[in-house]
C-alpha atoms as a PDB file:
ATOM      1  CA  MET A   1     -11.493  14.488  -8.772  1.00  0.00           C
ATOM      2  CA  ASN A   2     -13.597  12.758 -11.477  1.00  0.00           C
ATOM      3  CA  GLU A   3     -17.424  12.774 -11.005  1.00  0.00           C
ATOM      4  CA  LEU A   4     -18.698  10.748  -7.996  1.00  0.00           C
ATOM      5  CA  ILE A   5     -22.164   9.630  -7.307  1.00  0.00           C
ATOM      6  CA  LYS A   6     -24.356  11.920  -5.114  1.00  0.00           C
ATOM      7  CA  LYS A   7     -26.377   9.341  -3.116  1.00  0.00           C
ATOM      8  CA  CYS A   8     -24.703   6.416  -1.236  1.00  0.00           C
ATOM      9  CA  PRO A   9     -25.705   2.995  -2.644  1.00  0.00           C
ATOM     10  CA  MET A  10     -25.627   1.539   0.905  1.00  0.00           C
ATOM     11  CA  CYS A  11     -27.947   3.932   2.858  1.00  0.00           C
ATOM     12  CA  GLY A  12     -29.152   6.683   0.360  1.00  0.00           C
ATOM     13  CA  GLY A  13     -27.282   9.297   2.518  1.00  0.00           C
ATOM     14  CA  ARG A  14     -25.607  12.282   0.684  1.00  0.00           C
ATOM     15  CA  VAL A  15     -21.943  11.707  -0.755  1.00  0.00           C
ATOM     16  CA  GLU A  16     -19.315  14.376  -0.545  1.00  0.00           C
ATOM     17  CA  GLY A  17     -16.010  14.439  -2.132  1.00  0.00           C
ATOM     18  CA  LYS A  18     -13.109  14.253   0.522  1.00  0.00           C
ATOM     19  CA  LYS A  19      -9.618  12.788   1.143  1.00  0.00           C
ATOM     20  CA  ALA A  20      -9.878   9.337   2.734  1.00  0.00           C
ATOM     21  CA  GLU A  21      -7.453   6.693   3.917  1.00  0.00           C
ATOM     22  CA  LYS A  22      -7.380   3.567   2.074  1.00  0.00           C
ATOM     23  CA  ILE A  23      -5.590   0.528   3.469  1.00  0.00           C
ATOM     24  CA  ILE A  24      -4.306  -1.948   0.973  1.00  0.00           C
ATOM     25  CA  ASN A  25      -3.381  -5.424   2.071  1.00  0.00           C
ATOM     26  CA  ALA A  26      -1.209  -7.917   0.021  1.00  0.00           C
ATOM     27  CA  GLY A  27      -0.377 -10.746   2.295  1.00  0.00           C
ATOM     28  CA  ARG A  28       1.944  -9.726   4.961  1.00  0.00           C
ATOM     29  CA  ASP A  29       2.620  -6.233   3.441  1.00  0.00           C
ATOM     30  CA  PHE A  30       0.272  -3.220   3.334  1.00  0.00           C
ATOM     31  CA  VAL A  31       0.028   0.485   2.353  1.00  0.00           C
ATOM     32  CA  ILE A  32      -1.921   3.180   3.762  1.00  0.00           C
ATOM     33  CA  LEU A  33      -2.819   5.881   0.812  1.00  0.00           C
ATOM     34  CA  GLU A  34      -4.637   9.107   1.109  1.00  0.00           C
ATOM     35  CA  VAL A  35      -7.012   9.235  -1.938  1.00  0.00           C
ATOM     36  CA  ASN A  36      -9.894  11.090  -3.253  1.00  0.00           C
ATOM     37  CA  ALA A  37     -13.147   9.451  -2.391  1.00  0.00           C
ATOM     38  CA  GLY A  38     -16.834  10.026  -2.128  1.00  0.00           C
ATOM     39  CA  VAL A  39     -17.694   9.584   1.575  1.00  0.00           C
ATOM     40  CA  CYS A  40     -21.336   9.247   2.803  1.00  0.00           C
ATOM     41  CA  GLU A  41     -22.050  11.753   5.511  1.00  0.00           C
ATOM     42  CA  GLN A  42     -24.657   9.370   7.055  1.00  0.00           C
ATOM     43  CA  CYS A  43     -22.791   5.659   7.073  1.00  0.00           C
ATOM     44  CA  GLY A  44     -19.337   6.919   6.208  1.00  0.00           C
ATOM     45  CA  GLU A  45     -19.124   4.341   3.144  1.00  0.00           C
ATOM     46  CA  LYS A  46     -16.260   5.311   0.744  1.00  0.00           C
ATOM     47  CA  ILE A  47     -16.914   5.360  -2.835  1.00  0.00           C
ATOM     48  CA  TYR A  48     -14.037   5.538  -5.334  1.00  0.00           C
ATOM     49  CA  THR A  49     -13.680   6.473  -8.798  1.00  0.00           C
ATOM     50  CA  LYS A  50     -12.673   4.080 -11.610  1.00  0.00           C
ATOM     51  CA  GLU A  51      -9.126   5.623 -11.829  1.00  0.00           C
ATOM     52  CA  THR A  52      -8.589   5.353  -7.848  1.00  0.00           C
ATOM     53  CA  HIS A  53      -9.645   1.680  -8.214  1.00  0.00           C
ATOM     54  CA  GLU A  54      -7.433   1.052 -11.135  1.00  0.00           C
ATOM     55  CA  LYS A  55      -4.475   2.399  -8.954  1.00  0.00           C
ATOM     56  CA  ILE A  56      -5.319   0.584  -6.022  1.00  0.00           C
ATOM     57  CA  ARG A  57      -5.067  -2.612  -8.112  1.00  0.00           C
ATOM     58  CA  GLU A  58      -1.814  -1.784  -9.322  1.00  0.00           C
ATOM     59  CA  ILE A  59      -0.351  -1.148  -5.980  1.00  0.00           C
ATOM     60  CA  ARG A  60      -1.774  -4.199  -4.643  1.00  0.00           C
ATOM     61  CA  LYS A  61       0.015  -6.337  -7.611  1.00  0.00           C
ATOM     62  CA  GLU A  62       3.163  -4.455  -6.901  1.00  0.00           C
ATOM     63  CA  LEU A  63       3.035  -5.473  -3.283  1.00  0.00           C
ATOM     64  CA  TYR A  64       2.351  -9.256  -3.825  1.00  0.00           C
ATOM     65  CA  ASN A  65       5.631 -11.263  -4.038  1.00  0.00           C
ATOM     66  CA  PRO A  66       5.316 -14.936  -3.895  1.00  0.00           C
ATOM     67  CA  ASN A  67       9.092 -15.208  -3.702  1.00  0.00           C
ATOM     68  CA  PHE A  68       9.643 -13.193  -0.514  1.00  0.00           C
ATOM     69  CA  ASN A  69      11.704 -15.011   2.071  1.00  0.00           C
ATOM     70  CA  PRO A  70       9.985 -14.275   5.353  1.00  0.00           C
ATOM     71  CA  LEU A  71      12.561 -16.504   7.292  1.00  0.00           C
ATOM     72  CA  GLU A  72      15.248 -14.144   6.087  1.00  0.00           C
ATOM     73  CA  PHE A  73      13.474 -11.160   6.903  1.00  0.00           C
ATOM     74  CA  GLU A  74      12.831 -12.190  10.399  1.00  0.00           C
ATOM     75  CA  GLY A  75      16.391 -12.957  10.879  1.00  0.00           C
ATOM     76  CA  ILE A  76      17.311  -9.547   9.651  1.00  0.00           C
ATOM     77  CA  LYS A  77      14.593  -7.886  11.771  1.00  0.00           C
ATOM     78  CA  ASN A  78      16.086  -9.755  14.845  1.00  0.00           C
ATOM     79  CA  GLN A  79      19.440  -8.407  14.179  1.00  0.00           C
ATOM     80  CA  ALA A  80      18.584  -4.924  13.113  1.00  0.00           C
ATOM     81  CA  GLY A  81      18.912  -3.370  16.494  1.00  0.00           C
ATOM     82  CA  LEU A  82      22.429  -4.818  17.273  1.00  0.00           C
ATOM     83  CA  ASN A  83      25.377  -2.430  17.095  1.00  0.00           C
ATOM     84  CA  ARG A  84      27.634  -5.091  14.975  1.00  0.00           C
ATOM     85  CA  PHE A  85      24.690  -5.503  12.520  1.00  0.00           C
ATOM     86  CA  THR A  86      25.238  -4.083   8.799  1.00  0.00           C
ATOM     87  CA  LEU A  87      23.351  -4.748   5.893  1.00  0.00           C
ATOM     88  CA  SER A  88      23.461  -3.209   2.270  1.00  0.00           C
ATOM     89  CA  ILE A  89      20.336  -2.813   0.289  1.00  0.00           C
ATOM     90  CA  LYS A  90      21.756  -5.064  -2.138  1.00  0.00           C
ATOM     91  CA  GLN A  91      22.288  -7.823   0.454  1.00  0.00           C
ATOM     92  CA  TRP A  92      18.742  -7.094   1.665  1.00  0.00           C
ATOM     93  CA  VAL A  93      17.358  -7.716  -1.806  1.00  0.00           C
ATOM     94  CA  GLU A  94      19.367 -10.980  -2.396  1.00  0.00           C
ATOM     95  CA  LYS A  95      18.681 -12.403   1.027  1.00  0.00           C
ATOM     96  CA  THR A  96      14.883 -11.523   1.102  1.00  0.00           C
ATOM     97  CA  ASN A  97      14.161 -11.778  -2.594  1.00  0.00           C
ATOM     98  CA  LEU A  98      12.731  -8.167  -2.155  1.00  0.00           C
ATOM     99  CA  VAL A  99      11.260  -6.935  -5.718  1.00  0.00           C
ATOM    100  CA  GLY A 100      10.800  -3.294  -4.780  1.00  0.00           C
ATOM    101  CA  ILE A 101      11.476  -0.321  -2.297  1.00  0.00           C
ATOM    102  CA  ASP A 102      10.573   3.309  -2.842  1.00  0.00           C
ATOM    103  CA  ASP A 103      10.869   5.542   0.119  1.00  0.00           C
ATOM    104  CA  GLY A 104       9.583   8.320  -1.996  1.00  0.00           C
ATOM    105  CA  GLU A 105      12.968  10.470  -1.836  1.00  0.00           C
ATOM    106  CA  ASN A 106      16.090   8.740  -1.444  1.00  0.00           C
ATOM    107  CA  PHE A 107      16.083   5.510  -3.320  1.00  0.00           C
ATOM    108  CA  THR A 108      14.182   2.937  -5.145  1.00  0.00           C
ATOM    109  CA  VAL A 109      15.116  -0.727  -5.879  1.00  0.00           C
ATOM    110  CA  ASN A 110      13.154  -1.749  -8.873  1.00  0.00           C
ATOM    111  CA  LYS A 111      11.519  -5.071  -9.903  1.00  0.00           C
ATOM    112  CA  ASN A 112      13.731  -7.554 -11.610  1.00  0.00           C
END
């Protein structure tokens, strides 16, 4: 972890480096990340390094998709529990204008 400040800018309390959860919102989508941060022992304020801020900004940009089709997504979501429902990744991407999926292990659909 890069060097963090030692004193909280909010309350003046002591800042210690820890793992912290960061929720990134981008419209209807969100991601919860575990990141390195400075956490104030007194007020709980989280302080991030420049590198962490840049990574959060990149992820937020990746999540934002103005062409996403929420109506198609709702239809898919409503049918997903039915026994007769099937949908390939290709169909999902085409119907919803999805720009990326990464489950971290099995597959990735990259941006167009």
